[in-house]
Amino acid sequence: MAKNSNQGYRIGAVKGRSQVQTHSGHWGERDRTTGQFINMKTSSKAPFKGVTKEK
C-alpha cells in the first residue's frame, strides 16, 4: 500500500487502480477489476498521485 510522505509525493504505487482524464479535464479513479469509478477529483485538475494513468 502506498503511503504519503507529507512532502508532496507518495512512497510506493497505488495498486489495483488506474486513472483517466475526463472531457472536462478532471481525473477519475477506477477499480481495475470491476472498471467502476471509485473517485472523481474535482478540487484540482492535477492527476492523483501514485495512480497509473490509462492510455
C-alpha atoms as a PDB file:
ATOM      1  CA  MET A   1       0.000   0.000   0.000  1.00  0.00           C
ATOM      2  CA  ALA A   2       1.233   3.467  -0.833  1.00  0.00           C
ATOM      3  CA  LYS A   3       1.710   5.995   1.911  1.00  0.00           C
ATOM      4  CA  ASN A   4       2.081   9.761   1.963  1.00  0.00           C
ATOM      5  CA  SER A   5       5.464  11.328   2.660  1.00  0.00           C
ATOM      6  CA  ASN A   6       3.964  14.710   3.702  1.00  0.00           C
ATOM      7  CA  GLN A   7       6.334  16.314   1.181  1.00  0.00           C
ATOM      8  CA  GLY A   8       4.036  16.372  -1.876  1.00  0.00           C
ATOM      9  CA  TYR A   9       4.566  12.833  -3.184  1.00  0.00           C
ATOM     10  CA  ARG A  10       3.755   9.214  -2.317  1.00  0.00           C
ATOM     11  CA  ILE A  11       6.095   6.411  -1.388  1.00  0.00           C
ATOM     12  CA  GLY A  12       5.146   3.346  -3.445  1.00  0.00           C
ATOM     13  CA  ALA A  13       2.418   2.811  -6.003  1.00  0.00           C
ATOM     14  CA  VAL A  14      -1.326   2.515  -5.518  1.00  0.00           C
ATOM     15  CA  LYS A  15      -2.211  -1.000  -6.715  1.00  0.00           C
ATOM     16  CA  GLY A  16      -5.481  -2.156  -8.243  1.00  0.00           C
ATOM     17  CA  ARG A  17      -6.471   1.294  -9.503  1.00  0.00           C
ATOM     18  CA  SER A  18      -5.991   3.396 -12.613  1.00  0.00           C
ATOM     19  CA  GLN A  19      -7.000   6.904 -13.607  1.00  0.00           C
ATOM     20  CA  VAL A  20      -8.407   8.501 -16.707  1.00  0.00           C
ATOM     21  CA  GLN A  21      -8.930  12.157 -17.607  1.00  0.00           C
ATOM     22  CA  THR A  22     -12.484  13.199 -18.480  1.00  0.00           C
ATOM     23  CA  HIS A  23     -13.511  15.655 -21.196  1.00  0.00           C
ATOM     24  CA  SER A  24     -13.865  18.421 -18.586  1.00  0.00           C
ATOM     25  CA  GLY A  25     -10.219  17.959 -17.560  1.00  0.00           C
ATOM     26  CA  HIS A  26     -10.877  16.327 -14.177  1.00  0.00           C
ATOM     27  CA  TRP A  27      -9.391  12.946 -13.237  1.00  0.00           C
ATOM     28  CA  GLY A  28     -11.432   9.857 -12.367  1.00  0.00           C
ATOM     29  CA  GLU A  29     -10.048   6.901 -10.420  1.00  0.00           C
ATOM     30  CA  ARG A  30     -11.206   3.417 -11.481  1.00  0.00           C
ATOM     31  CA  ASP A  31     -11.027  -0.036  -9.959  1.00  0.00           C
ATOM     32  CA  ARG A  32      -9.045  -2.310 -12.278  1.00  0.00           C
ATOM     33  CA  THR A  33     -11.041  -5.480 -11.585  1.00  0.00           C
ATOM     34  CA  THR A  34     -14.590  -4.104 -11.994  1.00  0.00           C
ATOM     35  CA  GLY A  35     -13.922  -0.990 -14.107  1.00  0.00           C
ATOM     36  CA  GLN A  36     -16.217   1.104 -11.914  1.00  0.00           C
ATOM     37  CA  PHE A  37     -15.279   4.645 -10.993  1.00  0.00           C
ATOM     38  CA  ILE A  38     -14.224   4.956  -7.363  1.00  0.00           C
ATOM     39  CA  ASN A  39     -13.483   8.649  -7.076  1.00  0.00           C
ATOM     40  CA  MET A  40     -13.526  11.850  -9.140  1.00  0.00           C
ATOM     41  CA  LYS A  41     -11.049  14.604  -8.384  1.00  0.00           C
ATOM     42  CA  THR A  42     -12.918  17.909  -8.613  1.00  0.00           C
ATOM     43  CA  SER A  43     -10.812  20.070  -6.286  1.00  0.00           C
ATOM     44  CA  SER A  44      -7.976  20.326  -8.791  1.00  0.00           C
ATOM     45  CA  LYS A  45      -7.269  19.339 -12.384  1.00  0.00           C
ATOM     46  CA  ALA A  46      -4.000  17.667 -11.361  1.00  0.00           C
ATOM     47  CA  PRO A  47      -3.915  13.845 -11.528  1.00  0.00           C
ATOM     48  CA  PHE A  48      -3.993  11.563  -8.489  1.00  0.00           C
ATOM     49  CA  LYS A  49      -0.564  10.860  -7.013  1.00  0.00           C
ATOM     50  CA  GLY A  50       0.825   7.344  -7.400  1.00  0.00           C
ATOM     51  CA  VAL A  51      -2.024   6.001  -9.554  1.00  0.00           C
ATOM     52  CA  THR A  52      -1.329   4.536 -13.018  1.00  0.00           C
ATOM     53  CA  LYS A  53      -2.740   6.518 -15.945  1.00  0.00           C
ATOM     54  CA  GLU A  54      -4.767   4.737 -18.623  1.00  0.00           C
ATOM     55  CA  LYS A  55      -3.843   5.251 -22.255  1.00  0.00           C
END
